[in-house]
């Protein structure tokens, strides 16, 4: 019996780890679209902040803001966001070779409390966490227009790497990038 359970677990884990880059990207797109659908039922700040990881970062006037609570406070500080509604559609998606990180970029329509409508574009850097995909970095800016419909384009690795050691050069590069990131937060 132990052998059967062990075999089942091995097969299940192996199947879970055999996702193609397109499948992982489609999963991220589905998460972004689900957040967008939920956001349509609430206000802009609540809708966008639902995507955030606890350690999300966002550029704001005065610099980079870190932490979900601080980012939400920054969104609330912008009078154009207060009482506004938002809808968005991802137009581009990309995933990392480990299938745990990705980005989406797309277009938004912001309907402010006074009824004015503005076009925007967004980009989110995502990480797959225990509770699903969460935005670790978020940026929004003005756009000239919002396309009526758009089929997303994909930026994909050739395959998803499911295991294997990180080589020392990769480890050093990651440590350098993290140190630079902390210096700017």
N, C-alpha and C. Protein backbone atom coordinates (compact mmCIF):
# COMPACT_ATOMS: atom_id res chain seq x y z
N UNK A 1 0.82 -1.20 0.00
CA UNK A 1 0.00 0.00 0.00
C UNK A 1 0.86 1.25 0.00
N UNK A 2 1.95 1.24 0.84
CA UNK A 2 2.85 2.38 0.88
C UNK A 2 3.43 2.66 -0.50
N UNK A 3 3.76 1.61 -1.22
CA UNK A 3 4.35 1.76 -2.55
C UNK A 3 3.34 2.42 -3.49
N UNK A 4 2.08 1.98 -3.43
CA UNK A 4 1.05 2.58 -4.29
C UNK A 4 0.85 4.05 -3.98
N UNK A 5 0.79 4.40 -2.69
CA UNK A 5 0.62 5.81 -2.30
C UNK A 5 1.82 6.61 -2.78
N UNK A 6 3.00 6.07 -2.56
CA UNK A 6 4.22 6.75 -2.98
C UNK A 6 4.24 6.94 -4.50
N UNK A 7 3.85 5.91 -5.24
CA UNK A 7 3.79 6.00 -6.69
C UNK A 7 2.77 7.04 -7.13
N UNK A 8 1.58 7.04 -6.50
CA UNK A 8 0.54 8.02 -6.83
C UNK A 8 1.03 9.44 -6.60
N UNK A 9 1.66 9.68 -5.45
CA UNK A 9 2.17 11.02 -5.13
C UNK A 9 3.23 11.42 -6.15
N UNK A 10 4.12 10.51 -6.47
CA UNK A 10 5.16 10.81 -7.46
C UNK A 10 4.55 11.15 -8.80
N UNK A 11 3.58 10.36 -9.26
CA UNK A 11 2.94 10.63 -10.54
C UNK A 11 2.18 11.95 -10.51
N UNK A 12 1.47 12.22 -9.41
CA UNK A 12 0.70 13.46 -9.31
C UNK A 12 1.62 14.66 -9.35
N UNK A 13 2.71 14.63 -8.57
CA UNK A 13 3.65 15.74 -8.54
C UNK A 13 4.31 15.91 -9.90
N UNK A 14 4.69 14.79 -10.52
CA UNK A 14 5.31 14.86 -11.83
C UNK A 14 4.37 15.48 -12.85
N UNK A 15 3.09 15.08 -12.82
CA UNK A 15 2.13 15.66 -13.76
C UNK A 15 1.94 17.15 -13.50
N UNK A 16 1.90 17.53 -12.22
CA UNK A 16 1.74 18.94 -11.89
C UNK A 16 2.93 19.76 -12.37
N UNK A 17 4.11 19.16 -12.37
CA UNK A 17 5.32 19.87 -12.75
C UNK A 17 5.59 19.83 -14.25
N UNK A 18 4.76 19.15 -15.02
CA UNK A 18 4.97 19.05 -16.45
C UNK A 18 4.19 20.08 -17.24
N UNK A 19 3.79 21.16 -16.60
CA UNK A 19 3.05 22.20 -17.30
C UNK A 19 3.93 22.83 -18.37
N UNK A 20 3.32 23.16 -19.47
CA UNK A 20 4.05 23.86 -20.53
C UNK A 20 4.08 25.35 -20.18
N UNK A 21 5.00 26.08 -20.79
CA UNK A 21 5.02 27.53 -20.56
C UNK A 21 3.68 28.18 -20.91
N UNK A 22 3.04 27.73 -21.97
CA UNK A 22 1.75 28.30 -22.36
C UNK A 22 0.69 28.02 -21.29
N UNK A 23 0.70 26.82 -20.71
CA UNK A 23 -0.26 26.50 -19.66
C UNK A 23 -0.06 27.38 -18.42
N UNK A 24 1.19 27.60 -18.05
CA UNK A 24 1.48 28.47 -16.90
C UNK A 24 1.04 29.90 -17.20
N UNK A 25 1.35 30.37 -18.41
CA UNK A 25 0.94 31.73 -18.80
C UNK A 25 -0.58 31.85 -18.83
N UNK A 26 -1.26 30.83 -19.34
CA UNK A 26 -2.73 30.87 -19.35
C UNK A 26 -3.30 30.88 -17.93
N UNK A 27 -2.64 30.18 -17.01
CA UNK A 27 -3.06 30.19 -15.62
C UNK A 27 -2.92 31.60 -15.03
N UNK A 28 -1.80 32.27 -15.34
CA UNK A 28 -1.60 33.64 -14.87
C UNK A 28 -2.63 34.58 -15.51
N UNK A 29 -2.86 34.43 -16.80
CA UNK A 29 -3.90 35.24 -17.46
C UNK A 29 -5.26 35.03 -16.81
N UNK A 30 -5.59 33.79 -16.51
CA UNK A 30 -6.88 33.49 -15.87
C UNK A 30 -6.97 34.17 -14.51
N UNK A 31 -5.88 34.19 -13.75
CA UNK A 31 -5.87 34.86 -12.45
C UNK A 31 -6.08 36.36 -12.63
N UNK A 32 -5.34 36.96 -13.57
CA UNK A 32 -5.49 38.41 -13.80
C UNK A 32 -6.92 38.73 -14.23
N UNK A 33 -7.46 37.92 -15.12
CA UNK A 33 -8.84 38.15 -15.58
C UNK A 33 -9.86 37.97 -14.46
N UNK A 34 -9.62 37.01 -13.57
CA UNK A 34 -10.52 36.79 -12.44
C UNK A 34 -10.49 38.00 -11.50
N UNK A 35 -9.29 38.53 -11.25
CA UNK A 35 -9.18 39.73 -10.43
C UNK A 35 -9.91 40.90 -11.11
N UNK A 36 -9.78 41.00 -12.43
CA UNK A 36 -10.46 42.07 -13.17
C UNK A 36 -11.98 41.94 -13.06
N UNK A 37 -12.47 40.72 -13.18
CA UNK A 37 -13.92 40.49 -13.06
C UNK A 37 -14.41 40.86 -11.67
N UNK A 38 -13.65 40.50 -10.64
CA UNK A 38 -14.03 40.86 -9.27
C UNK A 38 -13.95 42.36 -9.06
N UNK A 39 -12.96 43.00 -9.65
CA UNK A 39 -12.79 44.45 -9.51
C UNK A 39 -13.97 45.21 -10.10
N UNK A 40 -14.57 44.67 -11.13
CA UNK A 40 -15.72 45.33 -11.77
C UNK A 40 -16.90 45.44 -10.81
N UNK A 41 -16.88 44.65 -9.73
CA UNK A 41 -17.99 44.65 -8.77
C UNK A 41 -17.72 45.54 -7.56
N UNK A 42 -16.58 46.24 -7.55
CA UNK A 42 -16.21 47.05 -6.39
C UNK A 42 -15.53 48.33 -6.84
N UNK A 43 -14.93 49.03 -5.93
CA UNK A 43 -14.23 50.27 -6.29
C UNK A 43 -12.80 49.98 -6.74
N UNK A 44 -12.17 50.96 -7.36
CA UNK A 44 -10.83 50.82 -7.94
C UNK A 44 -9.82 50.36 -6.90
N UNK A 45 -9.78 51.00 -5.75
CA UNK A 45 -8.76 50.69 -4.75
C UNK A 45 -8.92 49.25 -4.24
N UNK A 46 -10.13 48.86 -3.91
CA UNK A 46 -10.37 47.49 -3.44
C UNK A 46 -10.07 46.49 -4.55
N UNK A 47 -10.49 46.79 -5.76
CA UNK A 47 -10.29 45.87 -6.88
C UNK A 47 -8.84 45.64 -7.21
N UNK A 48 -8.08 46.71 -7.32
CA UNK A 48 -6.65 46.57 -7.66
C UNK A 48 -5.89 45.95 -6.50
N UNK A 49 -6.17 46.40 -5.27
CA UNK A 49 -5.39 45.91 -4.13
C UNK A 49 -5.63 44.43 -3.84
N UNK A 50 -6.71 43.87 -4.33
CA UNK A 50 -6.96 42.44 -4.15
C UNK A 50 -5.88 41.59 -4.83
N UNK A 51 -5.20 42.16 -5.82
CA UNK A 51 -4.15 41.42 -6.53
C UNK A 51 -2.84 41.40 -5.75
N UNK A 52 -2.67 42.28 -4.78
CA UNK A 52 -1.37 42.52 -4.16
C UNK A 52 -0.90 41.41 -3.22
N UNK A 53 0.38 41.11 -3.33
CA UNK A 53 1.07 40.33 -2.31
C UNK A 53 1.32 41.26 -1.13
N UNK A 54 1.59 40.72 0.02
CA UNK A 54 1.81 41.56 1.20
C UNK A 54 3.01 42.48 1.05
N UNK A 55 3.98 42.09 0.22
CA UNK A 55 5.20 42.88 0.04
C UNK A 55 5.25 43.59 -1.33
N UNK A 56 4.09 43.88 -1.89
CA UNK A 56 4.03 44.55 -3.19
C UNK A 56 4.80 45.88 -3.15
N UNK A 57 5.34 46.25 -4.30
CA UNK A 57 5.98 47.56 -4.46
C UNK A 57 5.31 48.29 -5.62
N UNK A 58 5.31 49.64 -5.51
CA UNK A 58 4.69 50.45 -6.56
C UNK A 58 5.39 51.81 -6.60
N UNK A 59 5.68 52.30 -7.82
CA UNK A 59 6.21 53.66 -7.89
C UNK A 59 5.11 54.65 -7.57
N UNK A 60 5.49 55.71 -6.89
CA UNK A 60 4.54 56.77 -6.53
C UNK A 60 5.30 58.09 -6.50
N UNK A 61 4.59 59.19 -6.50
CA UNK A 61 5.30 60.47 -6.36
C UNK A 61 6.17 60.43 -5.09
N UNK A 62 7.43 60.72 -5.26
CA UNK A 62 8.34 60.69 -4.12
C UNK A 62 9.15 59.42 -4.02
N UNK A 63 8.87 58.42 -4.83
CA UNK A 63 9.69 57.21 -4.80
C UNK A 63 8.90 55.93 -4.84
N UNK A 64 9.58 54.84 -4.55
CA UNK A 64 9.00 53.51 -4.55
C UNK A 64 8.38 53.25 -3.18
N UNK A 65 7.17 52.72 -3.17
CA UNK A 65 6.48 52.38 -1.93
C UNK A 65 6.44 50.87 -1.82
N UNK A 66 6.71 50.36 -0.61
CA UNK A 66 6.74 48.91 -0.39
C UNK A 66 5.76 48.52 0.71
N UNK A 67 5.09 47.39 0.48
CA UNK A 67 4.14 46.86 1.45
C UNK A 67 2.72 47.19 1.04
N UNK A 68 1.84 46.20 1.13
CA UNK A 68 0.46 46.36 0.67
C UNK A 68 -0.25 47.53 1.36
N UNK A 69 -0.09 47.64 2.66
CA UNK A 69 -0.79 48.72 3.37
C UNK A 69 -0.35 50.10 2.89
N UNK A 70 0.96 50.27 2.68
CA UNK A 70 1.48 51.57 2.21
C UNK A 70 1.05 51.85 0.77
N UNK A 71 1.04 50.82 -0.06
CA UNK A 71 0.62 51.00 -1.44
C UNK A 71 -0.87 51.36 -1.49
N UNK A 72 -1.67 50.71 -0.68
CA UNK A 72 -3.10 51.03 -0.63
C UNK A 72 -3.29 52.47 -0.14
N UNK A 73 -2.52 52.88 0.86
CA UNK A 73 -2.61 54.27 1.34
C UNK A 73 -2.25 55.25 0.23
N UNK A 74 -1.24 54.90 -0.58
CA UNK A 74 -0.86 55.77 -1.70
C UNK A 74 -1.98 55.85 -2.74
N UNK A 75 -2.64 54.72 -3.02
CA UNK A 75 -3.77 54.74 -3.94
C UNK A 75 -4.89 55.61 -3.40
N UNK A 76 -5.15 55.51 -2.09
CA UNK A 76 -6.21 56.32 -1.46
C UNK A 76 -5.86 57.80 -1.46
N UNK A 77 -4.57 58.13 -1.42
CA UNK A 77 -4.13 59.53 -1.39
C UNK A 77 -4.37 60.25 -2.71
N UNK A 78 -4.59 59.50 -3.78
CA UNK A 78 -4.86 60.10 -5.08
C UNK A 78 -6.36 60.32 -5.20
N UNK A 79 -6.82 61.58 -5.18
CA UNK A 79 -8.26 61.85 -5.23
C UNK A 79 -8.97 61.25 -6.44
N UNK A 80 -8.24 61.06 -7.55
CA UNK A 80 -8.86 60.48 -8.75
C UNK A 80 -9.25 59.02 -8.53
N UNK A 81 -8.61 58.34 -7.56
CA UNK A 81 -8.92 56.94 -7.29
C UNK A 81 -10.12 56.76 -6.38
N UNK A 82 -10.36 57.72 -5.52
CA UNK A 82 -11.41 57.61 -4.51
C UNK A 82 -12.78 57.58 -5.18
N UNK A 83 -13.52 56.52 -4.94
CA UNK A 83 -14.85 56.37 -5.53
C UNK A 83 -14.85 55.95 -6.99
N UNK A 84 -13.67 55.73 -7.56
CA UNK A 84 -13.58 55.35 -8.97
C UNK A 84 -13.85 53.86 -9.15
N UNK A 85 -14.21 53.49 -10.35
CA UNK A 85 -14.38 52.09 -10.78
C UNK A 85 -13.31 51.81 -11.82
N UNK A 86 -12.97 50.54 -11.95
CA UNK A 86 -11.93 50.18 -12.92
C UNK A 86 -12.29 48.86 -13.59
N UNK A 87 -11.92 48.76 -14.84
CA UNK A 87 -11.97 47.49 -15.56
C UNK A 87 -10.66 47.38 -16.33
N UNK A 88 -10.17 46.16 -16.47
CA UNK A 88 -8.94 45.98 -17.23
C UNK A 88 -8.92 44.68 -17.99
N UNK A 89 -8.05 44.67 -19.00
CA UNK A 89 -7.87 43.51 -19.85
C UNK A 89 -6.39 43.31 -20.11
N UNK A 90 -5.84 42.15 -19.76
CA UNK A 90 -4.43 41.92 -20.06
C UNK A 90 -4.21 41.79 -21.57
N UNK A 91 -3.11 42.37 -22.03
CA UNK A 91 -2.76 42.33 -23.45
C UNK A 91 -1.47 41.57 -23.70
N UNK A 92 -0.69 41.35 -22.65
CA UNK A 92 0.57 40.63 -22.79
C UNK A 92 0.83 39.87 -21.50
N UNK A 93 1.41 38.70 -21.64
CA UNK A 93 1.75 37.86 -20.49
C UNK A 93 3.09 37.20 -20.76
N UNK A 94 3.86 37.06 -19.70
CA UNK A 94 5.12 36.35 -19.78
C UNK A 94 5.35 35.60 -18.49
N UNK A 95 6.07 34.50 -18.57
CA UNK A 95 6.38 33.72 -17.38
C UNK A 95 7.86 33.36 -17.37
N UNK A 96 8.35 33.10 -16.16
CA UNK A 96 9.74 32.70 -15.98
C UNK A 96 9.89 31.20 -16.28
N UNK A 97 11.13 30.79 -16.44
CA UNK A 97 11.40 29.39 -16.76
C UNK A 97 11.07 28.45 -15.60
N UNK A 98 10.98 28.98 -14.38
CA UNK A 98 10.60 28.11 -13.27
C UNK A 98 9.09 28.06 -13.07
N UNK A 99 8.35 28.88 -13.82
CA UNK A 99 6.89 28.87 -13.75
C UNK A 99 6.34 29.52 -12.49
N UNK A 100 7.17 30.19 -11.72
CA UNK A 100 6.74 30.79 -10.45
C UNK A 100 6.62 32.30 -10.50
N UNK A 101 7.08 32.90 -11.59
CA UNK A 101 7.05 34.35 -11.73
C UNK A 101 6.53 34.69 -13.11
N UNK A 102 5.93 35.86 -13.24
CA UNK A 102 5.44 36.28 -14.53
C UNK A 102 5.01 37.73 -14.51
N UNK A 103 4.57 38.19 -15.65
CA UNK A 103 4.06 39.55 -15.72
C UNK A 103 2.83 39.57 -16.60
N UNK A 104 1.98 40.54 -16.35
CA UNK A 104 0.91 40.86 -17.27
C UNK A 104 0.95 42.37 -17.49
N UNK A 105 0.57 42.76 -18.67
CA UNK A 105 0.45 44.17 -19.01
C UNK A 105 -0.81 44.31 -19.85
N UNK A 106 -1.47 45.42 -19.69
CA UNK A 106 -2.70 45.58 -20.44
C UNK A 106 -3.29 46.97 -20.31
N UNK A 107 -4.56 47.04 -20.60
CA UNK A 107 -5.25 48.33 -20.65
C UNK A 107 -6.40 48.36 -19.65
N UNK A 108 -6.64 49.56 -19.14
CA UNK A 108 -7.68 49.77 -18.14
C UNK A 108 -8.60 50.90 -18.57
N UNK A 109 -9.80 50.84 -18.08
CA UNK A 109 -10.72 51.97 -18.18
C UNK A 109 -11.06 52.36 -16.75
N UNK A 110 -10.78 53.62 -16.42
CA UNK A 110 -11.05 54.13 -15.09
C UNK A 110 -12.22 55.10 -15.18
N UNK A 111 -13.27 54.81 -14.44
CA UNK A 111 -14.43 55.70 -14.37
C UNK A 111 -14.40 56.36 -13.00
N UNK A 112 -14.09 57.64 -13.01
CA UNK A 112 -13.94 58.38 -11.75
C UNK A 112 -15.31 58.67 -11.13
N UNK A 113 -15.28 59.04 -9.87
CA UNK A 113 -16.51 59.31 -9.12
C UNK A 113 -17.35 60.40 -9.78
N UNK A 114 -16.70 61.35 -10.48
CA UNK A 114 -17.45 62.43 -11.14
C UNK A 114 -17.99 62.02 -12.51
N UNK A 115 -17.76 60.76 -12.90
CA UNK A 115 -18.28 60.26 -14.17
C UNK A 115 -17.32 60.35 -15.34
N UNK A 116 -16.20 61.06 -15.19
CA UNK A 116 -15.24 61.13 -16.28
C UNK A 116 -14.56 59.77 -16.44
N UNK A 117 -14.22 59.48 -17.68
CA UNK A 117 -13.62 58.18 -18.01
C UNK A 117 -12.22 58.42 -18.56
N UNK A 118 -11.28 57.65 -18.08
CA UNK A 118 -9.91 57.76 -18.56
C UNK A 118 -9.35 56.41 -18.97
N UNK A 119 -8.49 56.46 -19.96
CA UNK A 119 -7.79 55.25 -20.42
C UNK A 119 -6.48 55.14 -19.65
N UNK A 120 -6.12 53.93 -19.29
CA UNK A 120 -4.88 53.69 -18.58
C UNK A 120 -4.24 52.40 -19.09
N UNK A 121 -3.00 52.23 -18.75
CA UNK A 121 -2.29 50.98 -19.02
C UNK A 121 -1.66 50.54 -17.71
N UNK A 122 -1.43 49.25 -17.58
CA UNK A 122 -0.86 48.73 -16.34
C UNK A 122 0.15 47.65 -16.64
N UNK A 123 0.99 47.41 -15.64
CA UNK A 123 1.91 46.29 -15.69
C UNK A 123 2.03 45.75 -14.27
N UNK A 124 1.95 44.44 -14.15
CA UNK A 124 2.09 43.79 -12.85
C UNK A 124 3.10 42.66 -12.97
N UNK A 125 3.96 42.58 -11.98
CA UNK A 125 4.91 41.48 -11.85
C UNK A 125 4.31 40.54 -10.80
N UNK A 126 4.12 39.30 -11.15
CA UNK A 126 3.41 38.33 -10.31
C UNK A 126 4.33 37.25 -9.80
N UNK A 127 3.94 36.70 -8.66
CA UNK A 127 4.61 35.53 -8.12
C UNK A 127 3.52 34.52 -7.73
N UNK A 128 3.76 33.27 -8.06
CA UNK A 128 2.80 32.22 -7.69
C UNK A 128 3.06 31.86 -6.23
N UNK A 129 2.10 32.16 -5.37
CA UNK A 129 2.23 31.91 -3.94
C UNK A 129 1.28 30.81 -3.53
N UNK A 130 1.28 30.46 -2.25
CA UNK A 130 0.43 29.37 -1.77
C UNK A 130 -1.04 29.61 -2.08
N UNK A 131 -1.47 30.87 -2.03
CA UNK A 131 -2.88 31.19 -2.29
C UNK A 131 -3.13 31.64 -3.72
N UNK A 132 -2.20 31.37 -4.61
CA UNK A 132 -2.37 31.70 -6.02
C UNK A 132 -1.44 32.82 -6.45
N UNK A 133 -1.66 33.31 -7.65
CA UNK A 133 -0.83 34.38 -8.21
C UNK A 133 -1.12 35.69 -7.47
N UNK A 134 -0.07 36.40 -7.09
CA UNK A 134 -0.19 37.69 -6.42
C UNK A 134 0.80 38.67 -7.03
N UNK A 135 0.37 39.92 -7.16
CA UNK A 135 1.22 40.97 -7.73
C UNK A 135 2.26 41.40 -6.70
N UNK A 136 3.52 41.30 -7.08
CA UNK A 136 4.62 41.75 -6.22
C UNK A 136 5.05 43.15 -6.58
N UNK A 137 4.74 43.58 -7.81
CA UNK A 137 5.02 44.95 -8.25
C UNK A 137 3.89 45.37 -9.17
N UNK A 138 3.52 46.64 -9.08
CA UNK A 138 2.39 47.13 -9.85
C UNK A 138 2.67 48.56 -10.30
N UNK A 139 2.28 48.85 -11.53
CA UNK A 139 2.42 50.21 -12.06
C UNK A 139 1.26 50.48 -12.99
N UNK A 140 0.74 51.70 -12.90
CA UNK A 140 -0.34 52.14 -13.78
C UNK A 140 -0.01 53.52 -14.29
N UNK A 141 -0.37 53.78 -15.54
CA UNK A 141 -0.14 55.09 -16.13
C UNK A 141 -1.21 55.40 -17.15
N UNK A 142 -1.22 56.63 -17.60
CA UNK A 142 -2.20 57.07 -18.59
C UNK A 142 -1.92 56.41 -19.94
N UNK A 143 -2.99 56.18 -20.69
CA UNK A 143 -2.88 55.66 -22.06
C UNK A 143 -3.67 56.58 -22.97
N UNK A 144 -3.33 56.59 -24.23
CA UNK A 144 -4.07 57.42 -25.20
C UNK A 144 -5.48 56.91 -25.38
N UNK A 145 -5.60 55.60 -25.54
CA UNK A 145 -6.92 54.99 -25.72
C UNK A 145 -6.90 53.60 -25.10
N UNK A 146 -8.06 53.03 -24.96
CA UNK A 146 -8.18 51.64 -24.53
C UNK A 146 -8.75 50.85 -25.70
N UNK A 147 -8.00 49.86 -26.20
CA UNK A 147 -8.51 49.06 -27.32
C UNK A 147 -9.82 48.36 -26.96
N UNK A 148 -10.70 48.24 -27.93
CA UNK A 148 -11.99 47.57 -27.70
C UNK A 148 -11.78 46.11 -27.31
N UNK A 149 -11.02 45.40 -28.09
CA UNK A 149 -10.68 44.01 -27.77
C UNK A 149 -9.23 43.79 -28.20
N UNK A 150 -8.60 42.91 -27.50
CA UNK A 150 -7.21 42.61 -27.84
C UNK A 150 -6.90 41.18 -27.41
N UNK A 151 -6.29 40.44 -28.31
CA UNK A 151 -5.85 39.07 -27.97
C UNK A 151 -4.47 39.20 -27.32
N UNK A 152 -4.27 38.57 -26.18
CA UNK A 152 -2.98 38.72 -25.51
C UNK A 152 -1.84 38.08 -26.29
N UNK A 153 -0.68 38.71 -26.19
CA UNK A 153 0.53 38.12 -26.76
C UNK A 153 1.33 37.49 -25.62
N UNK A 154 2.16 36.54 -25.96
CA UNK A 154 2.88 35.74 -24.98
C UNK A 154 4.38 35.92 -25.12
N UNK A 155 5.07 35.97 -23.97
CA UNK A 155 6.52 35.95 -23.90
C UNK A 155 6.85 34.74 -23.02
N UNK A 156 7.36 33.70 -23.66
CA UNK A 156 7.49 32.42 -22.96
C UNK A 156 8.89 31.82 -23.08
N UNK A 157 9.32 31.10 -22.04
CA UNK A 157 10.55 30.31 -22.17
C UNK A 157 10.26 29.09 -23.03
N UNK A 158 11.29 28.38 -23.42
CA UNK A 158 11.07 27.19 -24.24
C UNK A 158 10.45 26.06 -23.44
N UNK A 159 10.72 26.02 -22.12
CA UNK A 159 10.13 25.00 -21.26
C UNK A 159 10.16 25.49 -19.82
N UNK A 160 9.37 24.83 -18.98
CA UNK A 160 9.36 25.12 -17.56
C UNK A 160 10.34 24.16 -16.88
N UNK A 161 11.28 24.70 -16.17
CA UNK A 161 12.25 23.90 -15.44
C UNK A 161 11.65 23.54 -14.09
N UNK A 162 11.47 22.26 -13.85
CA UNK A 162 10.78 21.84 -12.64
C UNK A 162 11.71 21.57 -11.48
N UNK A 163 12.97 21.33 -11.74
CA UNK A 163 13.89 21.07 -10.65
C UNK A 163 15.30 21.29 -11.13
N UNK A 164 16.22 21.18 -10.21
CA UNK A 164 17.62 21.33 -10.55
C UNK A 164 18.23 22.42 -9.70
N UNK A 165 19.49 22.29 -9.43
CA UNK A 165 20.14 23.27 -8.57
C UNK A 165 20.35 24.60 -9.30
N UNK A 166 20.33 25.64 -8.53
CA UNK A 166 20.67 26.95 -9.07
C UNK A 166 22.19 27.01 -9.11
N UNK A 167 22.74 27.39 -10.25
CA UNK A 167 24.20 27.45 -10.29
C UNK A 167 24.67 28.71 -9.56
N UNK A 168 25.91 28.74 -9.20
CA UNK A 168 26.46 29.82 -8.36
C UNK A 168 26.33 31.18 -9.04
N UNK A 169 26.52 31.25 -10.35
CA UNK A 169 26.40 32.52 -11.07
C UNK A 169 24.97 33.06 -10.96
N UNK A 170 23.98 32.18 -11.09
CA UNK A 170 22.59 32.60 -10.94
C UNK A 170 22.31 33.08 -9.52
N UNK A 171 22.83 32.38 -8.54
CA UNK A 171 22.63 32.75 -7.13
C UNK A 171 23.22 34.13 -6.86
N UNK A 172 24.43 34.40 -7.37
CA UNK A 172 25.08 35.70 -7.18
C UNK A 172 24.29 36.80 -7.88
N UNK A 173 23.81 36.52 -9.08
CA UNK A 173 23.02 37.51 -9.83
C UNK A 173 21.73 37.85 -9.09
N UNK A 174 21.07 36.83 -8.56
CA UNK A 174 19.84 37.06 -7.81
C UNK A 174 20.12 37.86 -6.55
N UNK A 175 21.19 37.53 -5.83
CA UNK A 175 21.54 38.27 -4.61
C UNK A 175 21.84 39.73 -4.94
N UNK A 176 22.55 39.98 -6.04
CA UNK A 176 22.84 41.36 -6.45
C UNK A 176 21.56 42.12 -6.76
N UNK A 177 20.66 41.49 -7.50
CA UNK A 177 19.40 42.15 -7.86
C UNK A 177 18.56 42.45 -6.62
N UNK A 178 18.52 41.52 -5.68
CA UNK A 178 17.76 41.75 -4.45
C UNK A 178 18.36 42.89 -3.63
N UNK A 179 19.69 42.97 -3.59
CA UNK A 179 20.34 44.04 -2.84
C UNK A 179 20.05 45.39 -3.49
N UNK A 180 20.08 45.46 -4.81
CA UNK A 180 19.76 46.70 -5.51
C UNK A 180 18.30 47.07 -5.24
N UNK A 181 17.40 46.08 -5.28
CA UNK A 181 16.00 46.34 -5.02
C UNK A 181 15.76 46.89 -3.63
N UNK A 182 16.45 46.33 -2.64
CA UNK A 182 16.29 46.82 -1.26
C UNK A 182 16.83 48.24 -1.11
N UNK A 183 17.86 48.58 -1.85
CA UNK A 183 18.42 49.92 -1.76
C UNK A 183 17.46 50.98 -2.29
N UNK A 184 16.55 50.59 -3.19
CA UNK A 184 15.61 51.54 -3.79
C UNK A 184 14.27 51.58 -3.10
N UNK A 185 14.07 50.75 -2.11
CA UNK A 185 12.78 50.72 -1.42
C UNK A 185 12.80 51.59 -0.20
